Amino acid sequence: DTSIIIPWLKENYNNCEVIAVSGDVGQGTELDGLEEKAIKTGASKLYI
């Protein structure tokens, strides 16, 4: 869901800035590579 939402937001809200926030509540390896992916898909930054 959230992987496609970043480009969708930029397409539909005049190329708005998207700041991604991920809460680490114990997802483990699911957080690996998350910053690179978020920025590559259009986010300006990622908070973990």
ModelCIF file with pLDDT and N, C-alpha, C, O atoms, coordinates in Angstrom:
data_MODEL
#
_entry.id   MODEL 
#
_entity.id                         1 
_entity.type                       polymer 
_entity.pdbx_number_of_molecules   1 
#
_entity_poly.entity_id                      1 
_entity_poly.type                           'polypeptide(L)' 
_entity_poly.nstd_linkage                   no 
_entity_poly.nstd_monomer                   no 
_entity_poly.pdbx_seq_one_letter_code       DTSIIIPWLKENYNNCEVIAVSGDVGQGTELDGLEEKAIKTGASKLYI 
_entity_poly.pdbx_seq_one_letter_code_can   DTSIIIPWLKENYNNCEVIAVSGDVGQGTELDGLEEKAIKTGASKLYI 
_entity_poly.pdbx_strand_id                 A 
#
loop_
_entity_poly_seq.entity_id 
_entity_poly_seq.num 
_entity_poly_seq.mon_id 
_entity_poly_seq.hetero 
1 1  ASP n 
1 2  THR n 
1 3  SER n 
1 4  ILE n 
1 5  ILE n 
1 6  ILE n 
1 7  PRO n 
1 8  TRP n 
1 9  LEU n 
1 10 LYS n 
1 11 GLU n 
1 12 ASN n 
1 13 TYR n 
1 14 ASN n 
1 15 ASN n 
1 16 CYS n 
1 17 GLU n 
1 18 VAL n 
1 19 ILE n 
1 20 ALA n 
1 21 VAL n 
1 22 SER n 
1 23 GLY n 
1 24 ASP n 
1 25 VAL n 
1 26 GLY n 
1 27 GLN n 
1 28 GLY n 
1 29 THR n 
1 30 GLU n 
1 31 LEU n 
1 32 ASP n 
1 33 GLY n 
1 34 LEU n 
1 35 GLU n 
1 36 GLU n 
1 37 LYS n 
1 38 ALA n 
1 39 ILE n 
1 40 LYS n 
1 41 THR n 
1 42 GLY n 
1 43 ALA n 
1 44 SER n 
1 45 LYS n 
1 46 LEU n 
1 47 TYR n 
1 48 ILE n 
#
_struct_asym.id          A 
_struct_asym.entity_id   1 
#
loop_
_ma_qa_metric.id 
_ma_qa_metric.mode 
_ma_qa_metric.name 
_ma_qa_metric.software_group_id 
_ma_qa_metric.type 
1 global pLDDT . pLDDT 
2 local  pLDDT . pLDDT 
#
_ma_qa_metric_global.metric_id      1 
_ma_qa_metric_global.metric_value   94.42 
_ma_qa_metric_global.model_id       1 
_ma_qa_metric_global.ordinal_id     1 
#
loop_
_ma_qa_metric_local.label_asym_id 
_ma_qa_metric_local.label_comp_id 
_ma_qa_metric_local.label_seq_id 
_ma_qa_metric_local.metric_id 
_ma_qa_metric_local.metric_value 
_ma_qa_metric_local.model_id 
_ma_qa_metric_local.ordinal_id 
A ASP 1  2 88.00 1 1  
A THR 2  2 90.00 1 2  
A SER 3  2 90.00 1 3  
A ILE 4  2 94.00 1 4  
A ILE 5  2 95.00 1 5  
A ILE 6  2 94.00 1 6  
A PRO 7  2 93.00 1 7  
A TRP 8  2 95.00 1 8  
A LEU 9  2 96.00 1 9  
A LYS 10 2 94.00 1 10 
A GLU 11 2 93.00 1 11 
A ASN 12 2 93.00 1 12 
A TYR 13 2 95.00 1 13 
A ASN 14 2 94.00 1 14 
A ASN 15 2 95.00 1 15 
A CYS 16 2 97.00 1 16 
A GLU 17 2 98.00 1 17 
A VAL 18 2 98.00 1 18 
A ILE 19 2 98.00 1 19 
A ALA 20 2 98.00 1 20 
A VAL 21 2 98.00 1 21 
A SER 22 2 97.00 1 22 
A GLY 23 2 97.00 1 23 
A ASP 24 2 98.00 1 24 
A VAL 25 2 98.00 1 25 
A GLY 26 2 97.00 1 26 
A GLN 27 2 94.00 1 27 
A GLY 28 2 92.00 1 28 
A THR 29 2 90.00 1 29 
A GLU 30 2 88.00 1 30 
A LEU 31 2 93.00 1 31 
A ASP 32 2 92.00 1 32 
A GLY 33 2 92.00 1 33 
A LEU 34 2 93.00 1 34 
A GLU 35 2 94.00 1 35 
A GLU 36 2 93.00 1 36 
A LYS 37 2 91.00 1 37 
A ALA 38 2 93.00 1 38 
A ILE 39 2 94.00 1 39 
A LYS 40 2 91.00 1 40 
A THR 41 2 92.00 1 41 
A GLY 42 2 94.00 1 42 
A ALA 43 2 96.00 1 43 
A SER 44 2 98.00 1 44 
A LYS 45 2 97.00 1 45 
A LEU 46 2 97.00 1 46 
A TYR 47 2 98.00 1 47 
A ILE 48 2 97.00 1 48 
#
loop_
_atom_site.group_PDB 
_atom_site.id 
_atom_site.type_symbol 
_atom_site.label_atom_id 
_atom_site.label_alt_id 
_atom_site.label_comp_id 
_atom_site.label_asym_id 
_atom_site.label_entity_id 
_atom_site.label_seq_id 
_atom_site.pdbx_PDB_ins_code 
_atom_site.Cartn_x 
_atom_site.Cartn_y 
_atom_site.Cartn_z 
_atom_site.occupancy 
_atom_site.B_iso_or_equiv 
_atom_site.pdbx_formal_charge 
_atom_site.auth_seq_id 
_atom_site.auth_comp_id 
_atom_site.auth_asym_id 
_atom_site.auth_atom_id 
_atom_site.pdbx_PDB_model_num 
ATOM 1   N N  . ASP A 1 1  ? 0.814  -1.217 0.000  1.00 88.00 ? 1  ASP A N  1 
ATOM 2   C CA . ASP A 1 1  ? 0.000  0.000  0.000  1.00 88.00 ? 1  ASP A CA 1 
ATOM 3   C C  . ASP A 1 1  ? 0.846  1.266  0.000  1.00 88.00 ? 1  ASP A C  1 
ATOM 4   O O  . ASP A 1 1  ? 0.720  2.116  -0.882 1.00 88.00 ? 1  ASP A O  1 
ATOM 5   N N  . THR A 1 2  ? 1.718  1.378  1.013  1.00 90.00 ? 2  THR A N  1 
ATOM 6   C CA . THR A 1 2  ? 2.461  2.638  1.153  1.00 90.00 ? 2  THR A CA 1 
ATOM 7   C C  . THR A 1 2  ? 3.551  2.792  0.106  1.00 90.00 ? 2  THR A C  1 
ATOM 8   O O  . THR A 1 2  ? 3.993  3.909  -0.161 1.00 90.00 ? 2  THR A O  1 
ATOM 9   N N  . SER A 1 3  ? 3.995  1.692  -0.493 1.00 90.00 ? 3  SER A N  1 
ATOM 10  C CA . SER A 1 3  ? 5.001  1.792  -1.554 1.00 90.00 ? 3  SER A CA 1 
ATOM 11  C C  . SER A 1 3  ? 4.460  2.549  -2.763 1.00 90.00 ? 3  SER A C  1 
ATOM 12  O O  . SER A 1 3  ? 5.177  3.337  -3.380 1.00 90.00 ? 3  SER A O  1 
ATOM 13  N N  . ILE A 1 4  ? 3.208  2.313  -3.096 1.00 94.00 ? 4  ILE A N  1 
ATOM 14  C CA . ILE A 1 4  ? 2.647  2.998  -4.267 1.00 94.00 ? 4  ILE A CA 1 
ATOM 15  C C  . ILE A 1 4  ? 2.042  4.352  -3.911 1.00 94.00 ? 4  ILE A C  1 
ATOM 16  O O  . ILE A 1 4  ? 1.786  5.168  -4.797 1.00 94.00 ? 4  ILE A O  1 
ATOM 17  N N  . ILE A 1 5  ? 1.813  4.595  -2.639 1.00 95.00 ? 5  ILE A N  1 
ATOM 18  C CA . ILE A 1 5  ? 1.185  5.856  -2.249 1.00 95.00 ? 5  ILE A CA 1 
ATOM 19  C C  . ILE A 1 5  ? 2.124  7.039  -2.466 1.00 95.00 ? 5  ILE A C  1 
ATOM 20  O O  . ILE A 1 5  ? 1.661  8.128  -2.807 1.00 95.00 ? 5  ILE A O  1 
ATOM 21  N N  . ILE A 1 6  ? 3.435  6.853  -2.276 1.00 94.00 ? 6  ILE A N  1 
ATOM 22  C CA . ILE A 1 6  ? 4.358  7.984  -2.454 1.00 94.00 ? 6  ILE A CA 1 
ATOM 23  C C  . ILE A 1 6  ? 4.250  8.571  -3.861 1.00 94.00 ? 6  ILE A C  1 
ATOM 24  O O  . ILE A 1 6  ? 3.996  9.768  -3.988 1.00 94.00 ? 6  ILE A O  1 
ATOM 25  N N  . PRO A 1 7  ? 4.430  7.786  -4.914 1.00 93.00 ? 7  PRO A N  1 
ATOM 26  C CA . PRO A 1 7  ? 4.276  8.386  -6.250 1.00 93.00 ? 7  PRO A CA 1 
ATOM 27  C C  . PRO A 1 7  ? 2.847  8.831  -6.535 1.00 93.00 ? 7  PRO A C  1 
ATOM 28  O O  . PRO A 1 7  ? 2.636  9.799  -7.266 1.00 93.00 ? 7  PRO A O  1 
ATOM 29  N N  . TRP A 1 8  ? 1.865  8.137  -5.967 1.00 95.00 ? 8  TRP A N  1 
ATOM 30  C CA . TRP A 1 8  ? 0.477  8.548  -6.180 1.00 95.00 ? 8  TRP A CA 1 
ATOM 31  C C  . TRP A 1 8  ? 0.223  9.935  -5.598 1.00 95.00 ? 8  TRP A C  1 
ATOM 32  O O  . TRP A 1 8  ? -0.448 10.757 -6.222 1.00 95.00 ? 8  TRP A O  1 
ATOM 33  N N  . LEU A 1 9  ? 0.751  10.198 -4.411 1.00 96.00 ? 9  LEU A N  1 
ATOM 34  C CA . LEU A 1 9  ? 0.593  11.520 -3.798 1.00 96.00 ? 9  LEU A CA 1 
ATOM 35  C C  . LEU A 1 9  ? 1.228  12.603 -4.664 1.00 96.00 ? 9  LEU A C  1 
ATOM 36  O O  . LEU A 1 9  ? 0.639  13.661 -4.887 1.00 96.00 ? 9  LEU A O  1 
ATOM 37  N N  . LYS A 1 10 ? 2.416  12.331 -5.140 1.00 94.00 ? 10 LYS A N  1 
ATOM 38  C CA . LYS A 1 10 ? 3.120  13.336 -5.941 1.00 94.00 ? 10 LYS A CA 1 
ATOM 39  C C  . LYS A 1 10 ? 2.394  13.585 -7.262 1.00 94.00 ? 10 LYS A C  1 
ATOM 40  O O  . LYS A 1 10 ? 2.384  14.708 -7.765 1.00 94.00 ? 10 LYS A O  1 
ATOM 41  N N  . GLU A 1 11 ? 1.786  12.532 -7.825 1.00 93.00 ? 11 GLU A N  1 
ATOM 42  C CA . GLU A 1 11 ? 1.046  12.686 -9.074 1.00 93.00 ? 11 GLU A CA 1 
ATOM 43  C C  . GLU A 1 11 ? -0.231 13.496 -8.889 1.00 93.00 ? 11 GLU A C  1 
ATOM 44  O O  . GLU A 1 11 ? -0.612 14.271 -9.765 1.00 93.00 ? 11 GLU A O  1 
ATOM 45  N N  . ASN A 1 12 ? -0.881 13.317 -7.763 1.00 93.00 ? 12 ASN A N  1 
ATOM 46  C CA . ASN A 1 12 ? -2.220 13.881 -7.580 1.00 93.00 ? 12 ASN A CA 1 
ATOM 47  C C  . ASN A 1 12 ? -2.281 15.114 -6.686 1.00 93.00 ? 12 ASN A C  1 
ATOM 48  O O  . ASN A 1 12 ? -3.331 15.750 -6.592 1.00 93.00 ? 12 ASN A O  1 
ATOM 49  N N  . TYR A 1 13 ? -1.189 15.462 -6.036 1.00 95.00 ? 13 TYR A N  1 
ATOM 50  C CA . TYR A 1 13 ? -1.162 16.654 -5.186 1.00 95.00 ? 13 TYR A CA 1 
ATOM 51  C C  . TYR A 1 13 ? -0.019 17.583 -5.611 1.00 95.00 ? 13 TYR A C  1 
ATOM 52  O O  . TYR A 1 13 ? 0.764  18.045 -4.781 1.00 95.00 ? 13 TYR A O  1 
ATOM 53  N N  . ASN A 1 14 ? 0.058  17.845 -6.912 1.00 94.00 ? 14 ASN A N  1 
ATOM 54  C CA . ASN A 1 14 ? 0.964  18.858 -7.459 1.00 94.00 ? 14 ASN A CA 1 
ATOM 55  C C  . ASN A 1 14 ? 2.408  18.667 -7.012 1.00 94.00 ? 14 ASN A C  1 
ATOM 56  O O  . ASN A 1 14 ? 3.078  19.616 -6.605 1.00 94.00 ? 14 ASN A O  1 
ATOM 57  N N  . ASN A 1 15 ? 2.874  17.425 -7.094 1.00 95.00 ? 15 ASN A N  1 
ATOM 58  C CA . ASN A 1 15 ? 4.264  17.105 -6.760 1.00 95.00 ? 15 ASN A CA 1 
ATOM 59  C C  . ASN A 1 15 ? 4.629  17.561 -5.351 1.00 95.00 ? 15 ASN A C  1 
ATOM 60  O O  . ASN A 1 15 ? 5.710  18.103 -5.119 1.00 95.00 ? 15 ASN A O  1 
ATOM 61  N N  . CYS A 1 16 ? 3.721  17.334 -4.426 1.00 97.00 ? 16 CYS A N  1 
ATOM 62  C CA . CYS A 1 16 ? 3.945  17.740 -3.032 1.00 97.00 ? 16 CYS A CA 1 
ATOM 63  C C  . CYS A 1 16 ? 5.141  17.000 -2.436 1.00 97.00 ? 16 CYS A C  1 
ATOM 64  O O  . CYS A 1 16 ? 5.522  15.929 -2.908 1.00 97.00 ? 16 CYS A O  1 
ATOM 65  N N  . GLU A 1 17 ? 5.720  17.581 -1.404 1.00 98.00 ? 17 GLU A N  1 
ATOM 66  C CA . GLU A 1 17 ? 6.782  16.896 -0.669 1.00 98.00 ? 17 GLU A CA 1 
ATOM 67  C C  . GLU A 1 17 ? 6.154  15.793 0.180  1.00 98.00 ? 17 GLU A C  1 
ATOM 68  O O  . GLU A 1 17 ? 5.144  16.012 0.849  1.00 98.00 ? 17 GLU A O  1 
ATOM 69  N N  . VAL A 1 18 ? 6.754  14.620 0.146  1.00 98.00 ? 18 VAL A N  1 
ATOM 70  C CA . VAL A 1 18 ? 6.270  13.489 0.953  1.00 98.00 ? 18 VAL A CA 1 
ATOM 71  C C  . VAL A 1 18 ? 7.368  13.095 1.932  1.00 98.00 ? 18 VAL A C  1 
ATOM 72  O O  . VAL A 1 18 ? 8.468  12.711 1.534  1.00 98.00 ? 18 VAL A O  1 
ATOM 73  N N  . ILE A 1 19 ? 7.053  13.196 3.208  1.00 98.00 ? 19 ILE A N  1 
ATOM 74  C CA . ILE A 1 19 ? 7.966  12.773 4.267  1.00 98.00 ? 19 ILE A CA 1 
ATOM 75  C C  . ILE A 1 19 ? 7.431  11.459 4.829  1.00 98.00 ? 19 ILE A C  1 
ATOM 76  O O  . ILE A 1 19 ? 6.320  11.411 5.357  1.00 98.00 ? 19 ILE A O  1 
ATOM 77  N N  . ALA A 1 20 ? 8.217  10.405 4.714  1.00 98.00 ? 20 ALA A N  1 
ATOM 78  C CA . ALA A 1 20 ? 7.783  9.090  5.175  1.00 98.00 ? 20 ALA A CA 1 
ATOM 79  C C  . ALA A 1 20 ? 8.208  8.879  6.626  1.00 98.00 ? 20 ALA A C  1 
ATOM 80  O O  . ALA A 1 20 ? 9.300  9.273  7.035  1.00 98.00 ? 20 ALA A O  1 
ATOM 81  N N  . VAL A 1 21 ? 7.321  8.248  7.393  1.00 98.00 ? 21 VAL A N  1 
ATOM 82  C CA . VAL A 1 21 ? 7.614  7.941  8.796  1.00 98.00 ? 21 VAL A CA 1 
ATOM 83  C C  . VAL A 1 21 ? 7.287  6.483  9.053  1.00 98.00 ? 21 VAL A C  1 
ATOM 84  O O  . VAL A 1 21 ? 6.177  6.025  8.785  1.00 98.00 ? 21 VAL A O  1 
ATOM 85  N N  . SER A 1 22 ? 8.258  5.765  9.573  1.00 97.00 ? 22 SER A N  1 
ATOM 86  C CA . SER A 1 22 ? 8.054  4.365  9.943  1.00 97.00 ? 22 SER A CA 1 
ATOM 87  C C  . SER A 1 22 ? 8.324  4.205  11.430 1.00 97.00 ? 22 SER A C  1 
ATOM 88  O O  . SER A 1 22 ? 9.382  4.596  11.922 1.00 97.00 ? 22 SER A O  1 
ATOM 89  N N  . GLY A 1 23 ? 7.373  3.633  12.136 1.00 97.00 ? 23 GLY A N  1 
ATOM 90  C CA . GLY A 1 23 ? 7.548  3.368  13.556 1.00 97.00 ? 23 GLY A CA 1 
ATOM 91  C C  . GLY A 1 23 ? 8.090  1.972  13.751 1.00 97.00 ? 23 GLY A C  1 
ATOM 92  O O  . GLY A 1 23 ? 7.455  0.997  13.349 1.00 97.00 ? 23 GLY A O  1 
ATOM 93  N N  . ASP A 1 24 ? 9.264  1.860  14.368 1.00 98.00 ? 24 ASP A N  1 
ATOM 94  C CA . ASP A 1 24 ? 9.862  0.553  14.628 1.00 98.00 ? 24 ASP A CA 1 
ATOM 95  C C  . ASP A 1 24 ? 9.248  -0.023 15.903 1.00 98.00 ? 24 ASP A C  1 
ATOM 96  O O  . ASP A 1 24 ? 9.615  0.349  17.017 1.00 98.00 ? 24 ASP A O  1 
ATOM 97  N N  . VAL A 1 25 ? 8.305  -0.937 15.706 1.00 98.00 ? 25 VAL A N  1 
ATOM 98  C CA . VAL A 1 25 ? 7.680  -1.629 16.832 1.00 98.00 ? 25 VAL A CA 1 
ATOM 99  C C  . VAL A 1 25 ? 8.048  -3.114 16.817 1.00 98.00 ? 25 VAL A C  1 
ATOM 100 O O  . VAL A 1 25 ? 7.311  -3.968 17.310 1.00 98.00 ? 25 VAL A O  1 
ATOM 101 N N  . GLY A 1 26 ? 9.219  -3.388 16.231 1.00 97.00 ? 26 GLY A N  1 
ATOM 102 C CA . GLY A 1 26 ? 9.718  -4.756 16.248 1.00 97.00 ? 26 GLY A CA 1 
ATOM 103 C C  . GLY A 1 26 ? 9.505  -5.529 14.967 1.00 97.00 ? 26 GLY A C  1 
ATOM 104 O O  . GLY A 1 26 ? 9.398  -6.755 14.992 1.00 97.00 ? 26 GLY A O  1 
ATOM 105 N N  . GLN A 1 27 ? 9.443  -4.821 13.832 1.00 94.00 ? 27 GLN A N  1 
ATOM 106 C CA . GLN A 1 27 ? 9.265  -5.512 12.548 1.00 94.00 ? 27 GLN A CA 1 
ATOM 107 C C  . GLN A 1 27 ? 10.512 -6.263 12.097 1.00 94.00 ? 27 GLN A C  1 
ATOM 108 O O  . GLN A 1 27 ? 10.439 -7.111 11.209 1.00 94.00 ? 27 GLN A O  1 
ATOM 109 N N  . GLY A 1 28 ? 11.646 -5.957 12.700 1.00 92.00 ? 28 GLY A N  1 
ATOM 110 C CA . GLY A 1 28 ? 12.880 -6.654 12.364 1.00 92.00 ? 28 GLY A CA 1 
ATOM 111 C C  . GLY A 1 28 ? 13.375 -6.326 10.974 1.00 92.00 ? 28 GLY A C  1 
ATOM 112 O O  . GLY A 1 28 ? 13.532 -5.157 10.623 1.00 92.00 ? 28 GLY A O  1 
ATOM 113 N N  . THR A 1 29 ? 13.624 -7.369 10.171 1.00 90.00 ? 29 THR A N  1 
ATOM 114 C CA . THR A 1 29 ? 14.236 -7.191 8.851  1.00 90.00 ? 29 THR A CA 1 
ATOM 115 C C  . THR A 1 29 ? 13.331 -6.461 7.868  1.00 90.00 ? 29 THR A C  1 
ATOM 116 O O  . THR A 1 29 ? 13.796 -6.039 6.808  1.00 90.00 ? 29 THR A O  1 
ATOM 117 N N  . GLU A 1 30 ? 12.050 -6.301 8.192  1.00 88.00 ? 30 GLU A N  1 
ATOM 118 C CA . GLU A 1 30 ? 11.156 -5.560 7.300  1.00 88.00 ? 30 GLU A CA 1 
ATOM 119 C C  . GLU A 1 30 ? 11.611 -4.115 7.121  1.00 88.00 ? 30 GLU A C  1 
ATOM 120 O O  . GLU A 1 30 ? 11.238 -3.463 6.146  1.00 88.00 ? 30 GLU A O  1 
ATOM 121 N N  . LEU A 1 31 ? 12.416 -3.612 8.057  1.00 93.00 ? 31 LEU A N  1 
ATOM 122 C CA . LEU A 1 31 ? 12.903 -2.234 7.971  1.00 93.00 ? 31 LEU A CA 1 
ATOM 123 C C  . LEU A 1 31 ? 14.179 -2.111 7.137  1.00 93.00 ? 31 LEU A C  1 
ATOM 124 O O  . LEU A 1 31 ? 14.611 -1.002 6.823  1.00 93.00 ? 31 LEU A O  1 
ATOM 125 N N  . ASP A 1 32 ? 14.780 -3.248 6.780  1.00 92.00 ? 32 ASP A N  1 
ATOM 126 C CA . ASP A 1 32 ? 16.019 -3.219 6.008  1.00 92.00 ? 32 ASP A CA 1 
ATOM 127 C C  . ASP A 1 32 ? 15.776 -2.596 4.631  1.00 92.00 ? 32 ASP A C  1 
ATOM 128 O O  . ASP A 1 32 ? 14.839 -2.971 3.927  1.00 92.00 ? 32 ASP A O  1 
ATOM 129 N N  . GLY A 1 33 ? 16.628 -1.645 4.257  1.00 92.00 ? 33 GLY A N  1 
ATOM 130 C CA . GLY A 1 33 ? 16.534 -1.012 2.946  1.00 92.00 ? 33 GLY A CA 1 
ATOM 131 C C  . GLY A 1 33 ? 15.362 -0.065 2.782  1.00 92.00 ? 33 GLY A C  1 
ATOM 132 O O  . GLY A 1 33 ? 15.065 0.373  1.671  1.00 92.00 ? 33 GLY A O  1 
ATOM 133 N N  . LEU A 1 34 ? 14.693 0.254  3.885  1.00 93.00 ? 34 LEU A N  1 
ATOM 134 C CA . LEU A 1 34 ? 13.469 1.055  3.800  1.00 93.00 ? 34 LEU A CA 1 
ATOM 135 C C  . LEU A 1 34 ? 13.757 2.492  3.362  1.00 93.00 ? 34 LEU A C  1 
ATOM 136 O O  . LEU A 1 34 ? 13.012 3.060  2.564  1.00 93.00 ? 34 LEU A O  1 
ATOM 137 N N  . GLU A 1 35 ? 14.836 3.079  3.885  1.00 94.00 ? 35 GLU A N  1 
ATOM 138 C CA . GLU A 1 35 ? 15.144 4.470  3.539  1.00 94.00 ? 35 GLU A CA 1 
ATOM 139 C C  . GLU A 1 35 ? 15.438 4.607  2.052  1.00 94.00 ? 35 GLU A C  1 
ATOM 140 O O  . GLU A 1 35 ? 14.927 5.510  1.390  1.00 94.00 ? 35 GLU A O  1 
ATOM 141 N N  . GLU A 1 36 ? 16.267 3.704  1.530  1.00 93.00 ? 36 GLU A N  1 
ATOM 142 C CA . GLU A 1 36 ? 16.601 3.749  0.105  1.00 93.00 ? 36 GLU A CA 1 
ATOM 143 C C  . GLU A 1 36 ? 15.346 3.616  -0.753 1.00 93.00 ? 36 GLU A C  1 
ATOM 144 O O  . GLU A 1 36 ? 15.184 4.328  -1.744 1.00 93.00 ? 36 GLU A O  1 
ATOM 145 N N  . LYS A 1 37 ? 14.465 2.703  -0.367 1.00 91.00 ? 37 LYS A N  1 
ATOM 146 C CA . LYS A 1 37 ? 13.239 2.486  -1.140 1.00 91.00 ? 37 LYS A CA 1 
ATOM 147 C C  . LYS A 1 37 ? 12.332 3.708  -1.097 1.00 91.00 ? 37 LYS A C  1 
ATOM 148 O O  . LYS A 1 37 ? 11.791 4.120  -2.123 1.00 91.00 ? 37 LYS A O  1 
ATOM 149 N N  . ALA A 1 38 ? 12.162 4.297  0.105  1.00 93.00 ? 38 ALA A N  1 
ATOM 150 C CA . ALA A 1 38 ? 11.276 5.451  0.243  1.00 93.00 ? 38 ALA A CA 1 
ATOM 151 C C  . ALA A 1 38 ? 11.761 6.625  -0.610 1.00 93.00 ? 38 ALA A C  1 
ATOM 152 O O  . ALA A 1 38 ? 10.974 7.264  -1.309 1.00 93.00 ? 38 ALA A O  1 
ATOM 153 N N  . ILE A 1 39 ? 13.046 6.895  -0.545 1.00 94.00 ? 39 ILE A N  1 
ATOM 154 C CA . ILE A 1 39 ? 13.601 8.025  -1.297 1.00 94.00 ? 39 ILE A CA 1 
ATOM 155 C C  . ILE A 1 39 ? 13.568 7.747  -2.798 1.00 94.00 ? 39 ILE A C  1 
ATOM 156 O O  . ILE A 1 39 ? 13.282 8.646  -3.588 1.00 94.00 ? 39 ILE A O  1 
ATOM 157 N N  . LYS A 1 40 ? 13.856 6.519  -3.191 1.00 91.00 ? 40 LYS A N  1 
ATOM 158 C CA . LYS A 1 40 ? 13.849 6.164  -4.607 1.00 91.00 ? 40 LYS A CA 1 
ATOM 159 C C  . LYS A 1 40 ? 12.456 6.307  -5.216 1.00 91.00 ? 40 LYS A C  1 
ATOM 160 O O  . LYS A 1 40 ? 12.323 6.604  -6.403 1.00 91.00 ? 40 LYS A O  1 
ATOM 161 N N  . THR A 1 41 ? 11.419 6.094  -4.405 1.00 92.00 ? 41 THR A N  1 
ATOM 162 C CA . THR A 1 41 ? 10.053 6.199  -4.922 1.00 92.00 ? 41 THR A CA 1 
ATOM 163 C C  . THR A 1 41 ? 9.467  7.600  -4.772 1.00 92.00 ? 41 THR A C  1 
ATOM 164 O O  . THR A 1 41 ? 8.316  7.837  -5.140 1.00 92.00 ? 41 THR A O  1 
ATOM 165 N N  . GLY A 1 42 ? 10.269 8.544  -4.224 1.00 94.00 ? 42 GLY A N  1 
ATOM 166 C CA . GLY A 1 42 ? 9.827  9.928  -4.243 1.00 94.00 ? 42 GLY A CA 1 
ATOM 167 C C  . GLY A 1 42 ? 9.770  10.666 -2.925 1.00 94.00 ? 42 GLY A C  1 
ATOM 168 O O  . GLY A 1 42 ? 9.501  11.867 -2.912 1.00 94.00 ? 42 GLY A O  1 
ATOM 169 N N  . ALA A 1 43 ? 10.015 9.984  -1.810 1.00 96.00 ? 43 ALA A N  1 
ATOM 170 C CA . ALA A 1 43 ? 9.991  10.674 -0.517 1.00 96.00 ? 43 ALA A CA 1 
ATOM 171 C C  . ALA A 1 43 ? 11.217 11.574 -0.370 1.00 96.00 ? 43 ALA A C  1 
ATOM 172 O O  . ALA A 1 43 ? 12.290 11.267 -0.890 1.00 96.00 ? 43 ALA A O  1 
ATOM 173 N N  . SER A 1 44 ? 11.046 12.685 0.341  1.00 98.00 ? 44 SER A N  1 
ATOM 174 C CA . SER A 1 44 ? 12.180 13.585 0.566  1.00 98.00 ? 44 SER A CA 1 
ATOM 175 C C  . SER A 1 44 ? 13.069 13.090 1.697  1.00 98.00 ? 44 SER A C  1 
ATOM 176 O O  . SER A 1 44 ? 14.265 13.379 1.727  1.00 98.00 ? 44 SER A O  1 
ATOM 177 N N  . LYS A 1 45 ? 12.487 12.352 2.616  1.00 97.00 ? 45 LYS A N  1 
ATOM 178 C CA . LYS A 1 45 ? 13.242 11.799 3.735  1.00 97.00 ? 45 LYS A CA 1 
ATOM 179 C C  . LYS A 1 45 ? 12.410 10.702 4.390  1.00 97.00 ? 45 LYS A C  1 
ATOM 180 O O  . LYS A 1 45 ? 11.213 10.575 4.136  1.00 97.00 ? 45 LYS A O  1 
ATOM 181 N N  . LEU A 1 46 ? 13.067 9.915  5.235  1.00 97.00 ? 46 LEU A N  1 
ATOM 182 C CA . LEU A 1 46 ? 12.372 8.875  5.996  1.00 97.00 ? 46 LEU A CA 1 
ATOM 183 C C  . LEU A 1 46 ? 12.806 8.942  7.450  1.00 97.00 ? 46 LEU A C  1 
ATOM 184 O O  . LEU A 1 46 ? 13.996 8.894  7.760  1.00 97.00 ? 46 LEU A O  1 
ATOM 185 N N  . TYR A 1 47 ? 11.831 9.054  8.332  1.00 98.00 ? 47 TYR A N  1 
ATOM 186 C CA . TYR A 1 47 ? 12.075 8.885  9.756  1.00 98.00 ? 47 TYR A CA 1 
ATOM 187 C C  . TYR A 1 47 ? 11.832 7.419  10.115 1.00 98.00 ? 47 TYR A C  1 
ATOM 188 O O  . TYR A 1 47 ? 10.785 6.868  9.776  1.00 98.00 ? 47 TYR A O  1 
ATOM 189 N N  . ILE A 1 48 ? 12.780 6.789  10.792 1.00 97.00 ? 48 ILE A N  1 
ATOM 190 C CA . ILE A 1 48 ? 12.541 5.472  11.392 1.00 97.00 ? 48 ILE A CA 1 
ATOM 191 C C  . ILE A 1 48 ? 12.647 5.664  12.898 1.00 97.00 ? 48 ILE A C  1 
ATOM 192 O O  . ILE A 1 48 ? 12.488 4.707  13.656 1.00 97.00 ? 48 ILE A O  1 
#
